[in-house]
């Protein structure tokens, strides 16, 4: 019977996807008659509500769902669907939470209390969530997932002392890996970096089986958090060293996934790219520009078209005055994102440095066509026009920028650009007034 019901509902979905609502309604009616009074009636009712929702009739959808009683098999699913409509269609947080309170009242099991608590968290009521989470263990549900949610709810309500004590007890149980991460993160949040580092270092002392994918991915998370803790403590060099360990471990994750042919490879490659990008930022902070360039390139090997990495690499090349490599990076960036503003500004700056004012002006003007109030580009264009003796062109762009502002007299960028124009025009008093306004 469940299989037959599924076939009916799949056919309804197929008609909906093809926008054949009349046919969908006919199949739906057949299903209602077929399964009336059976255990699958609730499933069909929920599907019928989905059809009504697809037509935009939320009132009818709710009426269908409300017909499913507590004694029926699909009662909880119907309440969840109702809650979703109240929250996402009606934006009614009270009615949303009421669905889960009704679920607890009619089916007061641990899962119901967890769903109620999760609902409270989703509508930013962590205090009530804590109360609901506290009810779940009393009903013989005390697992790591619940403990994580409870701890996070306590942190959200700023009950840090209670959260720490809760974590200390909870981490004694099995599968406490995520709990220890959360506890270390809380220590870091409270500025207790030594405690956070000690906890994470102890976890990292355990040997990891390189064939265990879940253990390897957990180790990457530990190393990333330890790196962040060391950065917050002001030890950038130690943080960079830890990131190198995280990168090496993430490489093992990717190799394991290649062997297992498991999904999620792109996601894990993104993690590896982010690690390399962070390493580059730390190396740059330590003024090791060669290492930073090497790490950015490594990040791009994992994620070749990551625009943020390409922008950072191009900026670094400009910082070390390697203009040729900067231009190549900008061209790769514009190939991936033709309207990338950072790359356009850098290409214009490169032209300006090469005293190619015509090309520089072209790039700045292209950018200002899309964003008239991009103050960096406008200020650079004023300077270019001053160099080429074409200051008479500037008022046109200043006026366009003013028209694009909601409160032009409060825009510091506009005042600064006006000041530049007045200064280059020889109106020093007017320029100073604009600079003061900026």
Protein backbone atom coordinates (compact mmCIF):
# COMPACT_ATOMS: atom_id res chain seq x y z
CA UNK A 1 0.00 0.00 0.00
CA UNK A 2 2.76 2.58 0.80
CA UNK A 3 4.38 1.80 -2.56
CA UNK A 4 1.11 2.30 -4.42
CA UNK A 5 0.52 5.59 -2.59
CA UNK A 6 4.02 6.72 -3.52
CA UNK A 7 3.33 6.00 -7.20
CA UNK A 8 0.17 8.11 -7.12
CA UNK A 9 2.01 10.99 -5.45
CA UNK A 10 4.97 10.77 -7.83
CA UNK A 11 2.51 11.06 -10.73
CA UNK A 12 0.94 14.11 -9.07
CA UNK A 13 4.41 15.68 -8.71
CA UNK A 14 5.20 14.94 -12.37
CA UNK A 15 2.01 16.71 -13.49
CA UNK A 16 2.82 19.65 -11.17
CA UNK A 17 6.34 19.94 -12.60
CA UNK A 18 4.86 20.02 -16.11
CA UNK A 19 2.38 22.68 -14.90
CA UNK A 20 -0.50 20.31 -15.72
CA UNK A 21 -2.56 21.21 -12.66
CA UNK A 22 -5.85 19.84 -14.00
CA UNK A 23 -4.32 16.37 -14.48
CA UNK A 24 -2.60 16.61 -11.09
CA UNK A 25 -5.96 17.36 -9.43
CA UNK A 26 -7.59 14.34 -11.14
CA UNK A 27 -4.85 11.95 -9.97
CA UNK A 28 -5.02 13.50 -6.51
CA UNK A 29 -8.76 12.85 -6.32
CA UNK A 30 -8.21 9.23 -7.36
CA UNK A 31 -5.63 8.86 -4.60
CA UNK A 32 -7.98 10.36 -1.99
CA UNK A 33 -10.70 7.85 -2.90
CA UNK A 34 -8.22 4.95 -3.08
CA UNK A 35 -6.68 5.48 0.36
CA UNK A 36 -9.58 6.88 2.37
CA UNK A 37 -9.68 5.17 5.76
CA UNK A 38 -6.26 3.51 5.32
CA UNK A 39 -2.93 4.16 7.03
CA UNK A 40 -1.81 6.11 3.95
CA UNK A 41 -4.66 8.60 4.11
CA UNK A 42 -2.53 11.12 6.01
CA UNK A 43 0.24 10.90 3.41
CA UNK A 44 -2.25 11.65 0.63
CA UNK A 45 -3.71 14.53 2.65
CA UNK A 46 -0.28 16.13 2.99
CA UNK A 47 0.27 15.76 -0.75
CA UNK A 48 -3.14 17.33 -1.39
CA UNK A 49 -2.12 20.27 0.77
CA UNK A 50 1.06 20.62 -1.32
CA UNK A 51 -1.06 20.83 -4.48
CA UNK A 52 -3.18 23.58 -2.90
CA UNK A 53 -0.02 25.36 -1.82
CA UNK A 54 1.33 25.12 -5.37
CA UNK A 55 -1.79 26.97 -6.52
CA UNK A 56 -1.14 29.64 -3.87
CA UNK A 57 -4.13 28.64 -1.71
CA UNK A 58 -2.49 28.49 1.74
CA UNK A 59 -5.85 28.63 3.54
CA UNK A 60 -7.07 25.44 1.83
CA UNK A 61 -3.69 23.77 2.39
CA UNK A 62 -3.96 24.43 6.14
CA UNK A 63 -7.53 23.10 6.20
CA UNK A 64 -6.37 19.83 4.65
CA UNK A 65 -3.49 19.49 7.12
CA UNK A 66 -5.66 20.29 10.14
CA UNK A 67 -7.88 17.32 9.23
CA UNK A 68 -5.04 14.93 10.21
CA UNK A 69 -5.59 13.95 13.85
CA UNK A 70 -3.10 12.86 16.57
CA UNK A 71 -4.11 9.20 16.18
CA UNK A 72 -3.16 9.12 12.49
CA UNK A 73 0.15 7.85 11.15
CA UNK A 74 1.24 11.06 9.45
CA UNK A 75 0.19 13.45 12.22
CA UNK A 76 3.69 14.79 12.95
CA UNK A 77 4.48 15.28 9.26
CA UNK A 78 1.22 17.23 8.83
CA UNK A 79 2.08 19.50 11.75
CA UNK A 80 5.58 20.10 10.33
CA UNK A 81 4.02 21.06 7.00
CA UNK A 82 1.62 23.43 8.75
CA UNK A 83 4.49 24.98 10.67
CA UNK A 84 6.41 25.52 7.44
CA UNK A 85 3.42 27.32 5.87
CA UNK A 86 2.95 29.55 8.92
CA UNK A 87 6.63 30.51 8.98
CA UNK A 88 7.55 30.80 5.31
CA UNK A 89 4.21 31.84 3.76
CA UNK A 90 2.50 33.79 6.53
CA UNK A 91 5.63 34.90 8.44
CA UNK A 92 3.75 34.01 11.64
CA UNK A 93 6.31 32.88 14.23
CA UNK A 94 3.68 32.37 16.95
CA UNK A 95 1.58 30.00 14.82
CA UNK A 96 4.79 28.25 13.73
CA UNK A 97 5.81 27.50 17.32
CA UNK A 98 2.24 26.58 18.26
CA UNK A 99 2.34 23.64 15.80
CA UNK A 100 5.24 22.11 17.73
CA UNK A 101 3.67 22.86 21.11
CA UNK A 102 0.60 20.96 19.90
CA UNK A 103 2.86 18.09 18.87
CA UNK A 104 4.39 17.95 22.37
CA UNK A 105 0.93 18.08 23.95
CA UNK A 106 -0.42 15.20 21.88
CA UNK A 107 2.77 13.17 21.53
CA UNK A 108 5.09 14.12 24.43
CA UNK A 109 8.10 12.06 23.39
CA UNK A 110 11.76 13.13 23.38
CA UNK A 111 11.73 13.70 19.62
CA UNK A 112 8.76 16.08 19.95
CA UNK A 113 10.57 18.13 22.59
CA UNK A 114 13.67 18.30 20.40
CA UNK A 115 11.61 19.50 17.44
CA UNK A 116 9.95 22.13 19.64
CA UNK A 117 13.34 23.30 20.89
CA UNK A 118 14.74 23.42 17.34
CA UNK A 119 11.71 25.48 16.32
CA UNK A 120 12.32 27.97 19.13
CA UNK A 121 15.97 28.28 18.08
CA UNK A 122 14.96 28.96 14.47
CA UNK A 123 12.75 31.90 15.53
CA UNK A 124 15.40 33.32 17.87
CA UNK A 125 13.84 32.26 21.19
CA UNK A 126 16.78 30.41 22.78
CA UNK A 127 15.45 30.74 26.36
CA UNK A 128 12.38 28.66 25.50
CA UNK A 129 14.58 26.31 23.48
CA UNK A 130 16.69 25.60 26.56
CA UNK A 131 13.53 24.69 28.53
CA UNK A 132 12.43 22.29 25.78
CA UNK A 133 15.88 20.70 25.42
CA UNK A 134 15.96 20.14 29.18
CA UNK A 135 12.74 18.12 28.88
CA UNK A 136 14.21 15.70 26.33
CA UNK A 137 16.82 13.97 28.59
CA UNK A 138 14.13 13.41 31.22
CA UNK A 139 12.45 11.25 28.62
CA UNK A 140 15.46 8.97 28.22
CA UNK A 141 17.07 10.69 25.27
CA UNK A 142 20.62 11.79 26.06
CA UNK A 143 22.80 11.61 22.97
CA UNK A 144 25.59 13.73 21.57
CA UNK A 145 23.33 15.52 19.07
CA UNK A 146 20.99 16.69 21.82
CA UNK A 147 23.92 17.71 24.01
CA UNK A 148 25.33 19.85 21.18
CA UNK A 149 22.00 21.59 20.67
CA UNK A 150 21.56 22.16 24.39
CA UNK A 151 25.05 23.61 24.73
CA UNK A 152 24.56 25.97 21.80
CA UNK A 153 21.23 27.13 23.17
CA UNK A 154 22.86 27.95 26.52
CA UNK A 155 25.59 29.91 24.71
CA UNK A 156 22.94 31.76 22.71
CA UNK A 157 21.27 32.83 25.96
CA UNK A 158 24.67 33.96 27.32
CA UNK A 159 24.59 31.39 30.12
CA UNK A 160 28.30 30.73 29.63
CA UNK A 161 29.03 29.34 33.09
CA UNK A 162 26.13 26.92 32.84
CA UNK A 163 27.19 25.97 29.32
CA UNK A 164 30.75 25.17 30.45
CA UNK A 165 29.48 23.00 33.31
CA UNK A 166 27.06 21.27 30.95
CA UNK A 167 29.82 20.57 28.42
CA UNK A 168 32.13 19.21 31.12
CA UNK A 169 29.56 16.55 31.96
CA UNK A 170 28.46 15.91 28.39
CA UNK A 171 31.97 15.32 26.98
CA UNK A 172 32.35 12.31 29.29
CA UNK A 173 29.91 10.38 27.10
CA UNK A 174 30.45 8.61 23.81
CA UNK A 175 30.74 10.38 20.44
CA UNK A 176 31.74 13.61 22.15
CA UNK A 177 33.93 14.91 19.33
CA UNK A 178 31.59 17.73 18.26
CA UNK A 179 30.90 18.57 21.90
CA UNK A 180 34.60 19.09 22.53
CA UNK A 181 34.83 21.33 19.48
CA UNK A 182 31.89 23.40 20.76
CA UNK A 183 33.41 23.58 24.24
CA UNK A 184 36.78 24.69 22.87
CA UNK A 185 35.02 27.31 20.75
CA UNK A 186 33.25 28.60 23.85
CA UNK A 187 36.55 28.82 25.73
CA UNK A 188 37.92 30.83 22.78
CA UNK A 189 34.86 33.10 22.81
CA UNK A 190 35.47 33.75 26.52
CA UNK A 191 39.14 34.55 25.87
CA UNK A 192 40.34 31.42 27.70
CA UNK A 193 42.71 30.47 24.90
CA UNK A 194 44.94 28.25 27.03
CA UNK A 195 42.01 26.02 28.00
CA UNK A 196 40.80 25.83 24.42
CA UNK A 197 44.27 24.94 23.15
CA UNK A 198 44.76 22.29 25.83
CA UNK A 199 41.46 20.59 25.01
CA UNK A 200 42.10 20.58 21.27
CA UNK A 201 45.71 19.44 21.63
CA UNK A 202 44.61 16.50 23.78
CA UNK A 203 42.13 15.45 21.11
CA UNK A 204 44.78 15.72 18.41
CA UNK A 205 47.16 13.44 20.33
CA UNK A 206 45.02 10.45 19.42
CA UNK A 207 46.23 8.49 16.41
CA UNK A 208 43.97 8.54 13.36
CA UNK A 209 43.34 5.65 11.02
CA UNK A 210 43.97 7.10 7.53
CA UNK A 211 41.35 4.75 6.14
CA UNK A 212 38.65 6.23 8.41
CA UNK A 213 37.17 9.14 6.46
CA UNK A 214 35.00 10.47 9.29
CA UNK A 215 37.98 10.51 11.67
CA UNK A 216 40.09 12.36 9.10
CA UNK A 217 37.43 15.03 8.48
CA UNK A 218 36.99 15.46 12.25
CA UNK A 219 40.75 15.97 12.59
CA UNK A 220 40.68 18.74 9.99
CA UNK A 221 38.00 20.53 12.03
CA UNK A 222 40.09 20.19 15.19
CA UNK A 223 43.17 21.62 13.49
CA UNK A 224 41.23 24.52 11.97
CA UNK A 225 39.78 25.47 15.33
CA UNK A 226 43.20 25.15 17.01
CA UNK A 227 44.64 27.46 14.36
CA UNK A 228 41.90 29.99 15.05
CA UNK A 229 42.52 29.77 18.80
CA UNK A 230 46.23 30.45 18.30
CA UNK A 231 45.45 33.38 16.03
CA UNK A 232 43.11 34.87 18.65
CA UNK A 233 45.89 34.43 21.19
CA UNK A 234 48.16 36.48 18.91
CA UNK A 235 50.47 33.66 17.81
CA UNK A 236 50.25 33.93 14.01
CA UNK A 237 53.31 31.78 13.37
CA UNK A 238 51.91 28.88 15.44
CA UNK A 239 48.55 29.36 13.74
CA UNK A 240 50.20 29.07 10.31
CA UNK A 241 52.04 25.91 11.36
CA UNK A 242 48.75 24.39 12.52
CA UNK A 243 47.11 25.28 9.21
CA UNK A 244 49.88 23.44 7.37
CA UNK A 245 48.97 20.33 9.40
CA UNK A 246 45.31 20.91 8.51
CA UNK A 247 46.19 21.19 4.82
CA UNK A 248 48.17 17.93 4.94
CA UNK A 249 45.33 16.18 6.73
CA UNK A 250 42.76 17.52 4.27
CA UNK A 251 44.91 16.11 1.47
CA UNK A 252 44.49 12.68 3.12
CA UNK A 253 40.72 13.28 3.22
CA UNK A 254 40.66 13.91 -0.53
CA UNK A 255 42.82 10.85 -1.25
CA UNK A 256 40.55 8.69 0.90
CA UNK A 257 37.48 10.01 -0.90
CA UNK A 258 39.10 9.24 -4.26
CA UNK A 259 39.65 5.65 -3.15
CA UNK A 260 36.13 5.29 -1.74
CA UNK A 261 34.61 7.18 -4.69
CA UNK A 262 32.33 8.86 -2.17
CA UNK A 263 30.37 12.05 -2.81
CA UNK A 264 31.11 15.50 -1.45
CA UNK A 265 34.49 15.79 -3.16
CA UNK A 266 33.85 19.37 -4.31
CA UNK A 267 32.89 20.43 -0.81
CA UNK A 268 36.07 18.96 0.67
CA UNK A 269 38.18 20.53 -2.09
CA UNK A 270 36.63 23.86 -1.09
CA UNK A 271 37.73 23.22 2.49
CA UNK A 272 41.28 22.58 1.26
CA UNK A 273 41.19 25.77 -0.83
CA UNK A 274 40.00 27.82 2.16
CA UNK A 275 42.82 26.41 4.29
CA UNK A 276 45.42 27.44 1.70
CA UNK A 277 43.85 30.87 1.36
CA UNK A 278 44.01 31.39 5.13
CA UNK A 279 47.65 30.24 5.11
CA UNK A 280 48.38 32.87 2.46
CA UNK A 281 46.77 35.58 4.59
CA UNK A 282 48.86 34.60 7.62
CA UNK A 283 52.05 34.45 5.52
CA UNK A 284 51.24 37.92 4.19
CA UNK A 285 50.77 39.18 7.75
CA UNK A 286 54.23 37.79 8.53
CA UNK A 287 55.56 39.58 5.41
CA UNK A 288 56.55 36.31 3.78
CA UNK A 289 55.19 37.33 0.38
CA UNK A 290 56.76 34.44 -1.55
CA UNK A 291 55.07 31.91 0.72
CA UNK A 292 51.79 33.81 0.49
CA UNK A 293 51.90 33.69 -3.32
CA UNK A 294 52.67 29.98 -3.18
CA UNK A 295 49.72 29.31 -0.86
CA UNK A 296 47.31 31.34 -3.03
CA UNK A 297 48.39 29.30 -6.05
CA UNK A 298 47.83 26.13 -4.05
CA UNK A 299 44.33 27.33 -3.18
CA UNK A 300 43.64 27.92 -6.88
CA UNK A 301 44.78 24.37 -7.67
CA UNK A 302 41.83 23.18 -5.55
CA UNK A 303 39.39 25.86 -6.73
CA UNK A 304 40.66 27.40 -10.02
CA UNK A 305 37.86 29.94 -10.48
CA UNK A 306 37.55 31.16 -6.91
CA UNK A 307 37.23 34.91 -7.44
CA UNK A 308 38.17 35.87 -3.87
CA UNK A 309 41.48 34.01 -4.12
CA UNK A 310 42.22 35.49 -7.55
CA UNK A 311 41.54 39.00 -6.21
CA UNK A 312 43.80 38.47 -3.20
CA UNK A 313 46.58 37.05 -5.37
CA UNK A 314 46.35 39.94 -7.83
CA UNK A 315 46.47 42.48 -4.98
CA UNK A 316 49.51 40.75 -3.52
CA UNK A 317 51.28 40.86 -6.88
CA UNK A 318 50.55 44.58 -7.06
CA UNK A 319 51.79 44.99 -3.48
CA UNK A 320 55.16 43.41 -4.37
CA UNK A 321 55.23 45.39 -7.65
CA UNK A 322 55.02 42.33 -9.93
CA UNK A 323 52.79 44.11 -12.41
CA UNK A 324 52.95 41.46 -15.12
CA UNK A 325 51.69 38.70 -12.82
CA UNK A 326 49.09 41.08 -11.40
CA UNK A 327 47.76 41.71 -14.90
CA UNK A 328 47.64 37.98 -15.68
CA UNK A 329 45.70 37.32 -12.46
CA UNK A 330 43.26 40.12 -13.26
CA UNK A 331 42.71 38.75 -16.75
CA UNK A 332 41.99 35.27 -15.29
CA UNK A 333 39.63 36.92 -12.83
CA UNK A 334 37.76 38.83 -15.53
CA UNK A 335 37.50 35.62 -17.55
CA UNK A 336 35.76 33.97 -14.59
CA UNK A 337 33.73 37.10 -13.70
CA UNK A 338 33.56 39.70 -16.48
CA UNK A 339 32.04 42.34 -14.17
CA UNK A 340 34.43 41.87 -11.25
CA UNK A 341 34.93 45.33 -9.80
CA UNK A 342 38.19 44.66 -7.95
CA UNK A 343 39.83 43.30 -11.11
CA UNK A 344 38.60 46.26 -13.18
CA UNK A 345 40.03 48.73 -10.66
CA UNK A 346 43.37 46.91 -10.63
CA UNK A 347 43.53 46.78 -14.43
CA UNK A 348 42.93 50.53 -14.48
CA UNK A 349 45.57 51.10 -11.79
CA UNK A 350 48.05 49.02 -13.79
CA UNK A 351 47.38 51.16 -16.86
CA UNK A 352 47.80 54.30 -14.71
CA UNK A 353 51.17 53.07 -13.43
CA UNK A 354 52.27 52.43 -17.01
CA UNK A 355 51.21 56.00 -17.87
CA UNK A 356 48.54 54.56 -20.18
CA UNK A 357 45.90 57.06 -19.08
CA UNK A 358 43.54 56.30 -21.94
CA UNK A 359 43.22 52.62 -20.94
CA UNK A 360 42.95 53.57 -17.27
CA UNK A 361 40.12 55.99 -18.03
CA UNK A 362 38.34 53.34 -20.12
CA UNK A 363 38.33 50.81 -17.24
CA UNK A 364 37.18 53.36 -14.66
CA UNK A 365 34.42 54.63 -16.97
CA UNK A 366 33.24 51.06 -17.65
CA UNK A 367 32.99 50.45 -13.92
CA UNK A 368 31.19 53.74 -13.25
CA UNK A 369 28.59 52.92 -15.88
CA UNK A 370 27.55 49.96 -13.73
CA UNK A 371 28.09 51.67 -10.37
CA UNK A 372 28.12 55.48 -10.60
CA UNK A 373 28.76 55.79 -6.84
CA UNK A 374 31.81 53.49 -6.67
CA UNK A 375 33.94 56.11 -4.91
CA UNK A 376 37.31 54.38 -5.36
CA UNK A 377 36.86 54.26 -9.13
CA UNK A 378 35.48 57.81 -9.27
CA UNK A 379 38.40 59.24 -7.28
CA UNK A 380 40.88 57.42 -9.54
CA UNK A 381 39.07 58.71 -12.64
CA UNK A 382 39.35 62.31 -11.37
CA UNK A 383 43.11 61.82 -11.05
CA UNK A 384 43.32 60.32 -14.55
CA UNK A 385 41.35 63.22 -16.02
CA UNK A 386 43.67 65.67 -14.24
CA UNK A 387 46.71 63.94 -15.74
CA UNK A 388 45.25 64.09 -19.26
CA UNK A 389 43.96 67.65 -18.94
CA UNK A 390 40.31 66.62 -19.30
CA UNK A 391 38.89 67.83 -15.99
CA UNK A 392 35.87 69.23 -17.85
CA UNK A 393 34.63 65.61 -18.16
CA UNK A 394 34.50 65.12 -14.39
CA UNK A 395 31.22 66.99 -13.52
CA UNK A 396 29.29 64.53 -15.68
CA UNK A 397 30.43 61.60 -13.48
CA UNK A 398 30.00 63.58 -10.26
CA UNK A 399 26.38 64.38 -11.21
CA UNK A 400 25.69 60.73 -12.10
CA UNK A 401 27.12 59.66 -8.75
CA UNK A 402 24.99 62.23 -6.90
CA UNK A 403 21.86 61.00 -8.67
CA UNK A 404 22.64 57.43 -7.56
CA UNK A 405 22.81 58.43 -3.86
CA UNK A 406 19.84 58.40 -1.51
CA UNK A 407 21.32 61.16 0.68
CA UNK A 408 24.01 62.81 -1.43
CA UNK A 409 24.82 65.49 1.17
CA UNK A 410 25.74 62.74 3.64
CA UNK A 411 28.03 60.75 1.31
CA UNK A 412 31.64 61.12 2.41
CA UNK A 413 32.88 59.50 -0.83
CA UNK A 414 31.04 62.04 -2.98
CA UNK A 415 32.38 64.95 -0.93
CA UNK A 416 35.92 63.58 -1.24
CA UNK A 417 35.65 63.20 -5.03
CA UNK A 418 34.22 66.69 -5.33
CA UNK A 419 37.10 67.95 -3.20
CA UNK A 420 39.62 66.31 -5.53
CA UNK A 421 37.98 67.91 -8.55
CA UNK A 422 37.96 71.34 -6.92
CA UNK A 423 41.60 70.94 -5.81
CA UNK A 424 42.81 70.00 -9.28
CA UNK A 425 40.71 72.85 -10.73
CA UNK A 426 42.61 75.31 -8.51
CA UNK A 427 39.71 76.05 -6.13
CA UNK A 428 41.55 75.28 -2.90
CA UNK A 429 39.01 76.88 -0.52
CA UNK A 430 36.12 74.97 -2.06
CA UNK A 431 38.23 71.79 -2.01
CA UNK A 432 38.97 72.16 1.71
CA UNK A 433 35.25 72.60 2.47
CA UNK A 434 34.49 69.36 0.64
CA UNK A 435 37.35 67.49 2.36
CA UNK A 436 36.11 68.70 5.75
CA UNK A 437 32.60 67.53 4.87
CA UNK A 438 34.03 64.13 3.93
